[in-house]
Amino acid sequence: MQKIFSVSFFILILLSFNNSFAQSLTKKESKAGWQLLFDGKEIKGWHNYGKNNLGAAWKIDDGAIFLDASKKENGQIVGGGDIVSDEEYSNFHLKLEWKIGQNGNSGIILFIKEENKYKTPWMTGPEMQVLDNNGHPDSKIKKHRAGDLYDLISAVPETVRPFGEWNQVEIKSLNGKLEFWLNGKNVVTTNLWDEAWKTMIANSKFKSMPGFGTYQKGKIGLQDHGDPVWYRNIKIRRL
């Protein structure tokens, strides 16, 4: 009897461990309007930009969305590509965690307009940079470091953790005010779509992209920059 109990208890522990990476909302979060964009078990509500499916390189790894960069052809990840949310958002509060592989690069892209005339998400969507600041060449470029509003505003203070460690992100957009939070610190605050915003874009690498930073409602994207990256605990609340 004791042996049977011990085996049953061990099985329960294993089942608990296997489900430990499942992500859910508390009653308080649900009541406040939070929604999961990833439950830790299946990648639902996402698709490759410009397609109806999800590339095979986007996988589940220990309760995280993982971009497997192990197979490449002509420098591109086989079955990779940028992915975007099925739904569009305007005023929102987004939370997630990310970690990057050594020397890696990725990004969280906002206000993406998925239309045929735009070949990539970054032709319309501003990006929060995801980077190994200690290894990737982009780290040597101002406004290209982790937490930056890519090529527009540098993150201050710099709070990113080394590659392989999880970073906590919050992104808030409300009536044209955009805030980036990284590991508990507000690192970027700016106003969108006003004259100062337009001037900032005109002085950036996006100046030749007429749709960039103009849309006030769009999809959220996770970038394939050719490197392994993990995202988890992805949740959003419309404001």
C-alpha atoms as a PDB file:
ATOM      1  CA  MET A   1       0.000   0.000   0.000  1.00  0.00           C
ATOM      2  CA  GLN A   2       2.814   2.377   0.907  1.00  0.00           C
ATOM      3  CA  LYS A   3       4.619   1.547  -2.366  1.00  0.00           C
ATOM      4  CA  ILE A   4       1.484   2.286  -4.435  1.00  0.00           C
ATOM      5  CA  PHE A   5       1.005   5.573  -2.594  1.00  0.00           C
ATOM      6  CA  SER A   6       4.621   6.553  -3.253  1.00  0.00           C
ATOM      7  CA  VAL A   7       4.321   5.815  -6.991  1.00  0.00           C
ATOM      8  CA  SER A   8       1.029   7.732  -7.222  1.00  0.00           C
ATOM      9  CA  PHE A   9       2.548  10.685  -5.388  1.00  0.00           C
ATOM     10  CA  PHE A  10       5.558  10.661  -7.763  1.00  0.00           C
ATOM     11  CA  ILE A  11       3.231  10.684 -10.785  1.00  0.00           C
ATOM     12  CA  LEU A  12       1.339  13.645  -9.375  1.00  0.00           C
ATOM     13  CA  ILE A  13       4.627  15.507  -8.884  1.00  0.00           C
ATOM     14  CA  LEU A  14       5.596  14.813 -12.506  1.00  0.00           C
ATOM     15  CA  LEU A  15       2.236  16.002 -13.793  1.00  0.00           C
ATOM     16  CA  SER A  16       2.539  19.140 -11.687  1.00  0.00           C
ATOM     17  CA  PHE A  17       6.041  19.768 -13.057  1.00  0.00           C
ATOM     18  CA  ASN A  18       4.913  19.267 -16.662  1.00  0.00           C
ATOM     19  CA  ASN A  19       2.178  21.852 -16.169  1.00  0.00           C
ATOM     20  CA  SER A  20       4.343  24.289 -14.207  1.00  0.00           C
ATOM     21  CA  PHE A  21       5.063  26.378 -17.286  1.00  0.00           C
ATOM     22  CA  ALA A  22       1.396  26.816 -18.215  1.00  0.00           C
ATOM     23  CA  GLN A  23       0.526  30.485 -17.953  1.00  0.00           C
ATOM     24  CA  SER A  24      -2.790  31.768 -16.673  1.00  0.00           C
ATOM     25  CA  LEU A  25      -4.449  34.892 -15.348  1.00  0.00           C
ATOM     26  CA  THR A  26      -5.451  35.516 -11.764  1.00  0.00           C
ATOM     27  CA  LYS A  27      -9.074  36.359 -11.012  1.00  0.00           C
ATOM     28  CA  LYS A  28      -7.981  39.927 -10.361  1.00  0.00           C
ATOM     29  CA  GLU A  29      -6.247  40.147 -13.753  1.00  0.00           C
ATOM     30  CA  SER A  30      -9.234  38.670 -15.583  1.00  0.00           C
ATOM     31  CA  LYS A  31     -11.575  41.106 -13.871  1.00  0.00           C
ATOM     32  CA  ALA A  32      -9.281  43.985 -14.874  1.00  0.00           C
ATOM     33  CA  GLY A  33      -9.516  42.945 -18.525  1.00  0.00           C
ATOM     34  CA  TRP A  34      -6.185  41.189 -19.055  1.00  0.00           C
ATOM     35  CA  GLN A  35      -6.002  38.575 -21.807  1.00  0.00           C
ATOM     36  CA  LEU A  36      -3.308  36.003 -22.482  1.00  0.00           C
ATOM     37  CA  LEU A  37      -1.555  36.213 -25.840  1.00  0.00           C
ATOM     38  CA  PHE A  38       0.222  32.930 -25.061  1.00  0.00           C
ATOM     39  CA  ASP A  39      -0.732  30.239 -22.560  1.00  0.00           C
ATOM     40  CA  GLY A  40       2.625  28.461 -22.376  1.00  0.00           C
ATOM     41  CA  LYS A  41       1.312  25.373 -24.173  1.00  0.00           C
ATOM     42  CA  GLU A  42       0.143  26.347 -27.667  1.00  0.00           C
ATOM     43  CA  ILE A  43       0.992  29.244 -29.964  1.00  0.00           C
ATOM     44  CA  LYS A  44      -2.485  30.516 -30.742  1.00  0.00           C
ATOM     45  CA  GLY A  45      -3.445  34.002 -31.891  1.00  0.00           C
ATOM     46  CA  TRP A  46      -0.184  34.504 -33.848  1.00  0.00           C
ATOM     47  CA  HIS A  47       0.807  34.033 -37.482  1.00  0.00           C
ATOM     48  CA  ASN A  48       3.707  34.839 -39.763  1.00  0.00           C
ATOM     49  CA  TYR A  49       3.503  38.344 -41.160  1.00  0.00           C
ATOM     50  CA  GLY A  50       1.716  38.266 -44.522  1.00  0.00           C
ATOM     51  CA  LYS A  51       0.715  34.618 -44.146  1.00  0.00           C
ATOM     52  CA  ASN A  52      -2.039  32.557 -42.558  1.00  0.00           C
ATOM     53  CA  ASN A  53       0.180  30.063 -40.763  1.00  0.00           C
ATOM     54  CA  LEU A  54       3.019  29.929 -38.280  1.00  0.00           C
ATOM     55  CA  GLY A  55       6.531  28.916 -39.328  1.00  0.00           C
ATOM     56  CA  ALA A  56       7.826  25.618 -37.918  1.00  0.00           C
ATOM     57  CA  ALA A  57      10.869  27.311 -36.354  1.00  0.00           C
ATOM     58  CA  TRP A  58       8.578  29.041 -33.861  1.00  0.00           C
ATOM     59  CA  LYS A  59       8.237  26.390 -31.167  1.00  0.00           C
ATOM     60  CA  ILE A  60       7.357  25.818 -27.510  1.00  0.00           C
ATOM     61  CA  ASP A  61      10.324  25.479 -25.145  1.00  0.00           C
ATOM     62  CA  ASP A  62       9.755  25.245 -21.382  1.00  0.00           C
ATOM     63  CA  GLY A  63       6.586  27.311 -21.563  1.00  0.00           C
ATOM     64  CA  ALA A  64       8.043  29.950 -23.866  1.00  0.00           C
ATOM     65  CA  ILE A  65       7.638  30.819 -27.525  1.00  0.00           C
ATOM     66  CA  PHE A  66      11.052  29.899 -28.896  1.00  0.00           C
ATOM     67  CA  LEU A  67      12.583  30.799 -32.251  1.00  0.00           C
ATOM     68  CA  ASP A  68      14.796  27.863 -33.211  1.00  0.00           C
ATOM     69  CA  ALA A  69      17.653  29.260 -35.301  1.00  0.00           C
ATOM     70  CA  SER A  70      19.485  25.950 -35.780  1.00  0.00           C
ATOM     71  CA  LYS A  71      18.492  25.471 -39.436  1.00  0.00           C
ATOM     72  CA  LYS A  72      19.290  28.170 -41.969  1.00  0.00           C
ATOM     73  CA  GLU A  73      19.389  28.568 -45.737  1.00  0.00           C
ATOM     74  CA  ASN A  74      21.072  31.584 -47.314  1.00  0.00           C
ATOM     75  CA  GLY A  75      21.357  33.128 -43.866  1.00  0.00           C
ATOM     76  CA  GLN A  76      17.610  32.868 -43.144  1.00  0.00           C
ATOM     77  CA  ILE A  77      16.015  30.648 -40.499  1.00  0.00           C
ATOM     78  CA  VAL A  78      14.114  27.790 -42.148  1.00  0.00           C
ATOM     79  CA  GLY A  79      10.492  28.101 -41.021  1.00  0.00           C
ATOM     80  CA  GLY A  80      11.159  31.413 -39.294  1.00  0.00           C
ATOM     81  CA  GLY A  81      10.022  34.926 -40.175  1.00  0.00           C
ATOM     82  CA  ASP A  82       8.477  37.696 -38.089  1.00  0.00           C
ATOM     83  CA  ILE A  83       5.223  36.768 -36.364  1.00  0.00           C
ATOM     84  CA  VAL A  84       2.314  39.071 -35.501  1.00  0.00           C
ATOM     85  CA  SER A  85      -0.790  38.938 -33.344  1.00  0.00           C
ATOM     86  CA  ASP A  86      -4.079  38.092 -35.031  1.00  0.00           C
ATOM     87  CA  GLU A  87      -5.709  41.132 -33.422  1.00  0.00           C
ATOM     88  CA  GLU A  88      -4.955  44.844 -33.591  1.00  0.00           C
ATOM     89  CA  TYR A  89      -4.536  47.137 -30.583  1.00  0.00           C
ATOM     90  CA  SER A  90      -4.579  50.907 -30.044  1.00  0.00           C
ATOM     91  CA  ASN A  91      -4.616  51.856 -26.349  1.00  0.00           C
ATOM     92  CA  PHE A  92      -3.110  48.936 -24.445  1.00  0.00           C
ATOM     93  CA  HIS A  93      -0.889  47.687 -21.643  1.00  0.00           C
ATOM     94  CA  LEU A  94       1.355  44.811 -22.741  1.00  0.00           C
ATOM     95  CA  LYS A  95       3.422  42.630 -20.429  1.00  0.00           C
ATOM     96  CA  LEU A  96       5.882  39.896 -21.351  1.00  0.00           C
ATOM     97  CA  GLU A  97       9.264  38.387 -20.617  1.00  0.00           C
ATOM     98  CA  TRP A  98      12.112  37.724 -23.033  1.00  0.00           C
ATOM     99  CA  LYS A  99      15.575  36.236 -23.094  1.00  0.00           C
ATOM    100  CA  ILE A 100      18.007  36.244 -25.990  1.00  0.00           C
ATOM    101  CA  GLY A 101      20.734  33.842 -27.101  1.00  0.00           C
ATOM    102  CA  GLN A 102      24.388  34.872 -27.008  1.00  0.00           C
ATOM    103  CA  ASN A 103      25.130  37.697 -29.483  1.00  0.00           C
ATOM    104  CA  GLY A 104      21.426  37.686 -30.377  1.00  0.00           C
ATOM    105  CA  ASN A 105      19.005  40.272 -31.736  1.00  0.00           C
ATOM    106  CA  SER A 106      15.200  40.432 -31.865  1.00  0.00           C
ATOM    107  CA  GLY A 107      12.461  42.966 -31.176  1.00  0.00           C
ATOM    108  CA  ILE A 108       8.917  43.661 -30.020  1.00  0.00           C
ATOM    109  CA  ILE A 109       7.148  45.644 -32.738  1.00  0.00           C
ATOM    110  CA  LEU A 110       4.015  47.752 -32.204  1.00  0.00           C
ATOM    111  CA  PHE A 111       1.229  49.241 -34.335  1.00  0.00           C
ATOM    112  CA  ILE A 112       1.978  46.987 -37.302  1.00  0.00           C
ATOM    113  CA  LYS A 113      -0.256  47.475 -40.323  1.00  0.00           C
ATOM    114  CA  GLU A 114      -0.366  44.148 -42.149  1.00  0.00           C
ATOM    115  CA  GLU A 115      -0.949  45.093 -45.760  1.00  0.00           C
ATOM    116  CA  ASN A 116       0.536  43.865 -49.032  1.00  0.00           C
ATOM    117  CA  LYS A 117       2.235  47.188 -49.719  1.00  0.00           C
ATOM    118  CA  TYR A 118       4.362  46.749 -46.587  1.00  0.00           C
ATOM    119  CA  LYS A 119       6.807  43.863 -47.001  1.00  0.00           C
ATOM    120  CA  THR A 120       7.878  43.712 -43.357  1.00  0.00           C
ATOM    121  CA  PRO A 121       6.408  44.657 -39.934  1.00  0.00           C
ATOM    122  CA  TRP A 122       9.130  47.246 -39.302  1.00  0.00           C
ATOM    123  CA  MET A 123       8.036  49.287 -42.302  1.00  0.00           C
ATOM    124  CA  THR A 124       5.113  50.487 -40.168  1.00  0.00           C
ATOM    125  CA  GLY A 125       5.764  49.454 -36.566  1.00  0.00           C
ATOM    126  CA  PRO A 126       8.069  51.096 -33.997  1.00  0.00           C
ATOM    127  CA  GLU A 127      10.172  48.564 -32.072  1.00  0.00           C
ATOM    128  CA  MET A 128      11.413  47.911 -28.580  1.00  0.00           C
ATOM    129  CA  GLN A 129      14.876  46.471 -29.152  1.00  0.00           C
ATOM    130  CA  VAL A 130      15.706  43.001 -27.794  1.00  0.00           C
ATOM    131  CA  LEU A 131      19.474  42.473 -27.760  1.00  0.00           C
ATOM    132  CA  ASP A 132      22.514  40.911 -26.165  1.00  0.00           C
ATOM    133  CA  ASN A 133      24.181  44.222 -25.327  1.00  0.00           C
ATOM    134  CA  ASN A 134      27.458  42.523 -24.515  1.00  0.00           C
ATOM    135  CA  GLY A 135      27.803  40.631 -27.774  1.00  0.00           C
ATOM    136  CA  HIS A 136      25.767  41.915 -30.709  1.00  0.00           C
ATOM    137  CA  PRO A 137      27.353  44.563 -32.981  1.00  0.00           C
ATOM    138  CA  ASP A 138      24.187  46.725 -32.785  1.00  0.00           C
ATOM    139  CA  SER A 139      25.051  47.450 -29.157  1.00  0.00           C
ATOM    140  CA  LYS A 140      27.744  49.811 -30.395  1.00  0.00           C
ATOM    141  CA  ILE A 141      25.107  51.988 -32.090  1.00  0.00           C
ATOM    142  CA  LYS A 142      23.264  54.593 -30.047  1.00  0.00           C
ATOM    143  CA  LYS A 143      19.511  53.902 -29.913  1.00  0.00           C
ATOM    144  CA  HIS A 144      20.049  50.279 -31.029  1.00  0.00           C
ATOM    145  CA  ARG A 145      20.556  48.772 -27.573  1.00  0.00           C
ATOM    146  CA  ALA A 146      18.169  46.610 -25.556  1.00  0.00           C
ATOM    147  CA  GLY A 147      15.137  48.521 -24.308  1.00  0.00           C
ATOM    148  CA  ASP A 148      15.591  51.337 -26.832  1.00  0.00           C
ATOM    149  CA  LEU A 149      12.774  52.610 -28.999  1.00  0.00           C
ATOM    150  CA  TYR A 150      14.802  51.382 -31.932  1.00  0.00           C
ATOM    151  CA  ASP A 151      16.726  54.098 -33.788  1.00  0.00           C
ATOM    152  CA  LEU A 152      14.599  56.783 -32.121  1.00  0.00           C
ATOM    153  CA  ILE A 153      15.133  56.984 -28.329  1.00  0.00           C
ATOM    154  CA  SER A 154      17.732  55.395 -26.053  1.00  0.00           C
ATOM    155  CA  ALA A 155      16.612  53.532 -22.941  1.00  0.00           C
ATOM    156  CA  VAL A 156      17.575  55.344 -19.722  1.00  0.00           C
ATOM    157  CA  PRO A 157      18.503  53.892 -17.294  1.00  0.00           C
ATOM    158  CA  GLU A 158      19.945  50.760 -18.894  1.00  0.00           C
ATOM    159  CA  THR A 159      18.475  47.801 -17.026  1.00  0.00           C
ATOM    160  CA  VAL A 160      18.881  44.869 -19.422  1.00  0.00           C
ATOM    161  CA  ARG A 161      20.236  41.567 -18.140  1.00  0.00           C
ATOM    162  CA  PRO A 162      22.877  39.386 -19.857  1.00  0.00           C
ATOM    163  CA  PHE A 163      21.999  36.893 -22.587  1.00  0.00           C
ATOM    164  CA  GLY A 164      20.238  33.782 -21.310  1.00  0.00           C
ATOM    165  CA  GLU A 165      18.508  35.655 -18.482  1.00  0.00           C
ATOM    166  CA  TRP A 166      14.858  36.684 -18.444  1.00  0.00           C
ATOM    167  CA  ASN A 167      13.878  40.344 -18.784  1.00  0.00           C
ATOM    168  CA  GLN A 168      10.482  41.734 -17.761  1.00  0.00           C
ATOM    169  CA  VAL A 169       8.816  44.178 -20.153  1.00  0.00           C
ATOM    170  CA  GLU A 170       5.817  46.455 -19.886  1.00  0.00           C
ATOM    171  CA  ILE A 171       4.692  48.613 -22.793  1.00  0.00           C
ATOM    172  CA  LYS A 172       1.897  51.124 -22.287  1.00  0.00           C
ATOM    173  CA  SER A 173       0.182  53.103 -25.025  1.00  0.00           C
ATOM    174  CA  LEU A 174      -2.590  55.492 -24.056  1.00  0.00           C
ATOM    175  CA  ASN A 175      -3.934  58.332 -26.177  1.00  0.00           C
ATOM    176  CA  GLY A 176      -0.623  58.906 -27.913  1.00  0.00           C
ATOM    177  CA  LYS A 177       1.643  58.506 -24.882  1.00  0.00           C
ATOM    178  CA  LEU A 178       4.046  55.558 -25.139  1.00  0.00           C
ATOM    179  CA  GLU A 179       6.011  54.120 -22.209  1.00  0.00           C
ATOM    180  CA  PHE A 180       8.602  51.336 -22.153  1.00  0.00           C
ATOM    181  CA  TRP A 181       9.411  49.583 -18.881  1.00  0.00           C
ATOM    182  CA  LEU A 182      12.292  47.106 -18.591  1.00  0.00           C
ATOM    183  CA  ASN A 183      12.946  45.117 -15.423  1.00  0.00           C
ATOM    184  CA  GLY A 184      10.817  47.426 -13.328  1.00  0.00           C
ATOM    185  CA  LYS A 185      12.205  50.745 -14.598  1.00  0.00           C
ATOM    186  CA  ASN A 186      10.579  53.254 -16.944  1.00  0.00           C
ATOM    187  CA  VAL A 187      13.260  53.516 -19.666  1.00  0.00           C
ATOM    188  CA  VAL A 188      11.456  55.346 -22.504  1.00  0.00           C
ATOM    189  CA  THR A 189       8.569  57.825 -22.545  1.00  0.00           C
ATOM    190  CA  THR A 190       7.448  59.708 -25.631  1.00  0.00           C
ATOM    191  CA  ASN A 191       4.422  61.091 -27.448  1.00  0.00           C
ATOM    192  CA  LEU A 192       3.327  59.497 -30.688  1.00  0.00           C
ATOM    193  CA  TRP A 193       2.058  61.085 -33.896  1.00  0.00           C
ATOM    194  CA  ASP A 194       2.688  64.743 -33.020  1.00  0.00           C
ATOM    195  CA  GLU A 195       5.110  67.086 -34.820  1.00  0.00           C
ATOM    196  CA  ALA A 196       8.033  66.125 -32.579  1.00  0.00           C
ATOM    197  CA  TRP A 197       7.381  62.449 -33.395  1.00  0.00           C
ATOM    198  CA  LYS A 198       7.344  63.182 -37.125  1.00  0.00           C
ATOM    199  CA  THR A 199      10.601  65.132 -36.830  1.00  0.00           C
ATOM    200  CA  MET A 200      12.207  62.264 -34.919  1.00  0.00           C
ATOM    201  CA  ILE A 201      11.265  59.820 -37.678  1.00  0.00           C
ATOM    202  CA  ALA A 202      12.512  62.220 -40.357  1.00  0.00           C
ATOM    203  CA  ASN A 203      15.934  62.084 -38.688  1.00  0.00           C
ATOM    204  CA  SER A 204      16.010  58.280 -38.436  1.00  0.00           C
ATOM    205  CA  LYS A 205      16.603  55.297 -40.728  1.00  0.00           C
ATOM    206  CA  PHE A 206      12.823  55.158 -41.245  1.00  0.00           C
ATOM    207  CA  LYS A 207      12.604  58.515 -43.024  1.00  0.00           C
ATOM    208  CA  SER A 208      12.063  56.855 -46.410  1.00  0.00           C
ATOM    209  CA  MET A 209       9.170  54.707 -45.140  1.00  0.00           C
ATOM    210  CA  PRO A 210       5.979  56.795 -45.386  1.00  0.00           C
ATOM    211  CA  GLY A 211       3.894  54.372 -43.321  1.00  0.00           C
ATOM    212  CA  PHE A 212       6.293  54.072 -40.416  1.00  0.00           C
ATOM    213  CA  GLY A 213       4.954  55.257 -37.058  1.00  0.00           C
ATOM    214  CA  THR A 214       1.765  56.651 -38.552  1.00  0.00           C
ATOM    215  CA  TYR A 215      -0.812  54.057 -37.555  1.00  0.00           C
ATOM    216  CA  GLN A 216      -2.691  54.480 -34.288  1.00  0.00           C
ATOM    217  CA  LYS A 217      -3.967  50.912 -34.277  1.00  0.00           C
ATOM    218  CA  GLY A 218      -2.091  47.804 -35.301  1.00  0.00           C
ATOM    219  CA  LYS A 219      -0.760  44.360 -34.542  1.00  0.00           C
ATOM    220  CA  ILE A 220       2.016  43.366 -32.162  1.00  0.00           C
ATOM    221  CA  GLY A 221       5.008  41.516 -33.593  1.00  0.00           C
ATOM    222  CA  LEU A 222       7.912  39.355 -32.441  1.00  0.00           C
ATOM    223  CA  GLN A 223      10.919  39.645 -34.700  1.00  0.00           C
ATOM    224  CA  ASP A 224      13.002  36.996 -36.418  1.00  0.00           C
ATOM    225  CA  HIS A 225      16.440  38.584 -36.698  1.00  0.00           C
ATOM    226  CA  GLY A 226      18.165  35.257 -37.304  1.00  0.00           C
ATOM    227  CA  ASP A 227      18.939  34.453 -33.665  1.00  0.00           C
ATOM    228  CA  PRO A 228      17.394  32.237 -30.973  1.00  0.00           C
ATOM    229  CA  VAL A 229      15.017  34.151 -28.712  1.00  0.00           C
ATOM    230  CA  TRP A 230      12.387  33.219 -26.124  1.00  0.00           C
ATOM    231  CA  TYR A 231       9.157  35.024 -25.128  1.00  0.00           C
ATOM    232  CA  ARG A 232       6.772  34.042 -22.332  1.00  0.00           C
ATOM    233  CA  ASN A 233       4.079  35.362 -19.943  1.00  0.00           C
ATOM    234  CA  ILE A 234       2.636  37.453 -22.769  1.00  0.00           C
ATOM    235  CA  LYS A 235      -0.530  39.241 -21.692  1.00  0.00           C
ATOM    236  CA  ILE A 236      -2.345  42.386 -22.762  1.00  0.00           C
ATOM    237  CA  ARG A 237      -5.088  44.676 -21.497  1.00  0.00           C
ATOM    238  CA  ARG A 238      -6.961  47.133 -23.675  1.00  0.00           C
ATOM    239  CA  LEU A 239      -7.104  50.596 -22.118  1.00  0.00           C
END
